């Protein structure tokens, strides 16, 4: 069981990297790099289309990664 979860963790990790790299960039200038994108954090712009799908997919993969990490930690603790 541990080896299966470890393989799933590796696959999820690679998928998260790929999905994050596929997301479109929202920063267009050097000034927005220094502000950290705070203007978009509190803005009321909703993602549409491809961007919304990628955000949702990233969230799902991230949650799955955390769940698998917790299961691996539980299994490796010897319980």
N, C-alpha and C. Protein backbone atom coordinates (compact mmCIF):
# COMPACT_ATOMS: atom_id res chain seq x y z
N UNK A 1 0.83 -1.20 0.00
CA UNK A 1 0.00 0.00 0.00
C UNK A 1 0.87 1.26 0.00
N UNK A 2 1.95 1.19 0.80
CA UNK A 2 2.84 2.34 0.89
C UNK A 2 3.48 2.66 -0.46
N UNK A 3 3.91 1.64 -1.18
CA UNK A 3 4.55 1.85 -2.48
C UNK A 3 3.58 2.41 -3.51
N UNK A 4 2.33 1.97 -3.45
CA UNK A 4 1.31 2.49 -4.37
C UNK A 4 1.07 3.98 -4.09
N UNK A 5 0.94 4.32 -2.81
CA UNK A 5 0.74 5.73 -2.46
C UNK A 5 1.95 6.59 -2.83
N UNK A 6 3.13 6.01 -2.68
CA UNK A 6 4.34 6.75 -3.05
C UNK A 6 4.38 7.01 -4.55
N UNK A 7 3.97 6.04 -5.34
CA UNK A 7 3.91 6.23 -6.79
C UNK A 7 2.86 7.28 -7.16
N UNK A 8 1.72 7.24 -6.48
CA UNK A 8 0.68 8.25 -6.72
C UNK A 8 1.19 9.64 -6.36
N UNK A 9 1.95 9.74 -5.26
CA UNK A 9 2.51 11.02 -4.83
C UNK A 9 3.47 11.57 -5.89
N UNK A 10 4.30 10.72 -6.45
CA UNK A 10 5.23 11.16 -7.49
C UNK A 10 4.49 11.63 -8.74
N UNK A 11 3.47 10.90 -9.13
CA UNK A 11 2.68 11.28 -10.31
C UNK A 11 1.97 12.60 -10.06
N UNK A 12 1.36 12.76 -8.87
CA UNK A 12 0.68 14.02 -8.55
C UNK A 12 1.66 15.19 -8.53
N UNK A 13 2.85 14.97 -8.02
CA UNK A 13 3.85 16.04 -7.97
C UNK A 13 4.23 16.52 -9.37
N UNK A 14 4.44 15.58 -10.28
CA UNK A 14 4.79 15.95 -11.65
C UNK A 14 3.60 16.66 -12.32
N UNK A 15 2.39 16.17 -12.09
CA UNK A 15 1.20 16.81 -12.67
C UNK A 15 1.00 18.22 -12.16
N UNK A 16 1.26 18.44 -10.87
CA UNK A 16 1.12 19.79 -10.31
C UNK A 16 2.11 20.74 -10.96
N UNK A 17 3.34 20.30 -11.13
CA UNK A 17 4.34 21.15 -11.78
C UNK A 17 3.90 21.49 -13.21
N UNK A 18 3.41 20.51 -13.94
CA UNK A 18 2.98 20.74 -15.32
C UNK A 18 1.80 21.70 -15.37
N UNK A 19 0.81 21.49 -14.49
CA UNK A 19 -0.39 22.33 -14.50
C UNK A 19 -0.05 23.77 -14.11
N UNK A 20 0.82 23.95 -13.14
CA UNK A 20 1.21 25.31 -12.73
C UNK A 20 1.96 26.01 -13.86
N UNK A 21 2.82 25.28 -14.56
CA UNK A 21 3.56 25.89 -15.66
C UNK A 21 2.65 26.22 -16.84
N UNK A 22 1.53 25.52 -17.00
CA UNK A 22 0.61 25.78 -18.11
C UNK A 22 -0.30 26.97 -17.86
N UNK A 23 -0.40 27.42 -16.62
CA UNK A 23 -1.30 28.53 -16.31
C UNK A 23 -0.78 29.81 -16.95
N UNK A 24 -1.71 30.60 -17.50
CA UNK A 24 -1.28 31.86 -18.12
C UNK A 24 -0.79 32.85 -17.08
N UNK A 25 0.20 33.63 -17.46
CA UNK A 25 0.77 34.63 -16.56
C UNK A 25 -0.16 35.83 -16.46
N UNK A 26 -0.29 36.37 -15.25
CA UNK A 26 -1.13 37.54 -15.05
C UNK A 26 -0.29 38.80 -14.86
N UNK A 27 1.01 38.65 -14.74
CA UNK A 27 1.89 39.79 -14.51
C UNK A 27 2.48 40.23 -15.83
N UNK A 28 2.29 41.49 -16.15
CA UNK A 28 2.75 42.00 -17.43
C UNK A 28 3.93 42.96 -17.31
N UNK A 29 4.21 43.44 -16.12
CA UNK A 29 5.28 44.42 -15.98
C UNK A 29 6.14 44.10 -14.77
N UNK A 30 7.28 44.79 -14.70
CA UNK A 30 8.18 44.58 -13.58
C UNK A 30 7.58 45.13 -12.30
N UNK A 31 6.77 46.17 -12.39
CA UNK A 31 6.14 46.75 -11.20
C UNK A 31 5.18 45.77 -10.55
N UNK A 32 4.49 44.97 -11.33
CA UNK A 32 3.56 44.01 -10.75
C UNK A 32 4.31 42.86 -10.07
N UNK A 33 5.54 42.62 -10.47
CA UNK A 33 6.35 41.60 -9.82
C UNK A 33 6.71 42.02 -8.40
N UNK A 34 6.95 43.32 -8.19
CA UNK A 34 7.31 43.81 -6.87
C UNK A 34 6.10 43.93 -5.95
N UNK A 35 4.93 44.19 -6.52
CA UNK A 35 3.73 44.30 -5.70
C UNK A 35 3.19 42.92 -5.31
N UNK A 36 3.64 41.88 -5.96
CA UNK A 36 3.23 40.52 -5.62
C UNK A 36 1.87 40.17 -6.12
N UNK A 37 1.30 40.98 -6.98
CA UNK A 37 -0.03 40.68 -7.51
C UNK A 37 -1.15 40.93 -6.54
N UNK A 38 -0.91 41.79 -5.53
CA UNK A 38 -1.93 42.07 -4.52
C UNK A 38 -3.16 42.73 -5.13
N UNK A 39 -2.97 43.49 -6.20
CA UNK A 39 -4.11 44.13 -6.84
C UNK A 39 -5.06 43.09 -7.43
N UNK A 40 -4.54 41.97 -7.87
CA UNK A 40 -5.40 40.92 -8.42
C UNK A 40 -5.96 40.02 -7.33
N UNK A 41 -5.28 39.97 -6.19
CA UNK A 41 -5.76 39.14 -5.10
C UNK A 41 -7.08 39.66 -4.56
N UNK A 42 -7.19 40.98 -4.44
CA UNK A 42 -8.40 41.56 -3.89
C UNK A 42 -9.33 42.09 -4.97
N UNK A 43 -8.97 41.91 -6.21
CA UNK A 43 -9.82 42.35 -7.31
C UNK A 43 -11.02 41.44 -7.48
N UNK A 44 -11.96 41.89 -8.26
CA UNK A 44 -13.18 41.11 -8.46
C UNK A 44 -13.20 40.47 -9.83
N UNK A 45 -12.05 40.17 -10.38
CA UNK A 45 -11.99 39.54 -11.69
C UNK A 45 -12.16 38.04 -11.52
N UNK A 46 -13.09 37.47 -12.24
CA UNK A 46 -13.28 36.03 -12.21
C UNK A 46 -12.58 35.41 -13.41
N UNK A 47 -11.97 34.28 -13.15
CA UNK A 47 -11.31 33.57 -14.24
C UNK A 47 -12.37 32.93 -15.14
N UNK A 48 -12.08 32.92 -16.42
CA UNK A 48 -13.02 32.34 -17.38
C UNK A 48 -12.28 31.39 -18.31
N UNK A 49 -13.00 30.41 -18.79
CA UNK A 49 -12.47 29.52 -19.81
C UNK A 49 -11.32 28.67 -19.32
N UNK A 50 -10.25 28.68 -20.11
CA UNK A 50 -9.08 27.84 -19.84
C UNK A 50 -8.47 28.16 -18.49
N UNK A 51 -8.44 29.44 -18.13
CA UNK A 51 -7.84 29.86 -16.87
C UNK A 51 -8.61 29.30 -15.68
N UNK A 52 -9.93 29.30 -15.76
CA UNK A 52 -10.75 28.77 -14.68
C UNK A 52 -10.57 27.26 -14.54
N UNK A 53 -10.48 26.57 -15.66
CA UNK A 53 -10.28 25.12 -15.62
C UNK A 53 -8.93 24.80 -15.00
N UNK A 54 -7.90 25.54 -15.37
CA UNK A 54 -6.56 25.29 -14.84
C UNK A 54 -6.51 25.58 -13.33
N UNK A 55 -7.18 26.63 -12.89
CA UNK A 55 -7.20 26.94 -11.45
C UNK A 55 -7.91 25.83 -10.68
N UNK A 56 -9.02 25.36 -11.21
CA UNK A 56 -9.77 24.29 -10.54
C UNK A 56 -8.96 23.00 -10.52
N UNK A 57 -8.30 22.69 -11.61
CA UNK A 57 -7.49 21.48 -11.69
C UNK A 57 -6.31 21.55 -10.73
N UNK A 58 -5.70 22.73 -10.59
CA UNK A 58 -4.60 22.91 -9.66
C UNK A 58 -5.07 22.71 -8.23
N UNK A 59 -6.25 23.23 -7.91
CA UNK A 59 -6.80 23.07 -6.56
C UNK A 59 -7.08 21.60 -6.25
N UNK A 60 -7.66 20.90 -7.20
CA UNK A 60 -7.97 19.48 -7.00
C UNK A 60 -6.69 18.67 -6.82
N UNK A 61 -5.70 18.93 -7.68
CA UNK A 61 -4.44 18.20 -7.55
C UNK A 61 -3.73 18.52 -6.23
N UNK A 62 -3.79 19.76 -5.81
CA UNK A 62 -3.17 20.15 -4.54
C UNK A 62 -3.82 19.46 -3.35
N UNK A 63 -5.15 19.41 -3.35
CA UNK A 63 -5.87 18.72 -2.27
C UNK A 63 -5.55 17.23 -2.27
N UNK A 64 -5.52 16.63 -3.44
CA UNK A 64 -5.19 15.20 -3.54
C UNK A 64 -3.77 14.95 -3.05
N UNK A 65 -2.84 15.86 -3.36
CA UNK A 65 -1.45 15.73 -2.92
C UNK A 65 -1.34 15.76 -1.41
N UNK A 66 -2.07 16.68 -0.78
CA UNK A 66 -2.05 16.79 0.68
C UNK A 66 -2.63 15.53 1.33
N UNK A 67 -3.72 15.02 0.78
CA UNK A 67 -4.34 13.81 1.33
C UNK A 67 -3.39 12.62 1.23
N UNK A 68 -2.75 12.47 0.07
CA UNK A 68 -1.80 11.36 -0.09
C UNK A 68 -0.60 11.55 0.84
N UNK A 69 -0.16 12.79 1.03
CA UNK A 69 0.98 13.03 1.94
C UNK A 69 0.61 12.66 3.37
N UNK A 70 -0.62 12.99 3.79
CA UNK A 70 -1.05 12.63 5.13
C UNK A 70 -1.16 11.11 5.29
N UNK A 71 -1.68 10.44 4.26
CA UNK A 71 -1.76 8.97 4.31
C UNK A 71 -0.37 8.34 4.39
N UNK A 72 0.56 8.87 3.61
CA UNK A 72 1.94 8.36 3.66
C UNK A 72 2.56 8.57 5.04
N UNK A 73 2.32 9.73 5.63
CA UNK A 73 2.85 10.01 6.95
C UNK A 73 2.25 9.05 8.00
N UNK A 74 0.96 8.80 7.87
CA UNK A 74 0.30 7.86 8.79
C UNK A 74 0.86 6.45 8.63
N UNK A 75 1.03 6.01 7.40
CA UNK A 75 1.55 4.66 7.16
C UNK A 75 3.01 4.51 7.59
N UNK A 76 3.78 5.57 7.44
CA UNK A 76 5.20 5.47 7.79
C UNK A 76 5.43 5.61 9.30
N UNK A 77 4.40 6.04 10.03
CA UNK A 77 4.57 6.19 11.48
C UNK A 77 4.50 4.85 12.20
N UNK A 78 4.11 3.80 11.49
CA UNK A 78 4.10 2.47 12.07
C UNK A 78 2.77 2.07 12.66
N UNK A 79 1.76 2.88 12.50
CA UNK A 79 0.46 2.55 13.07
C UNK A 79 -0.32 1.60 12.19
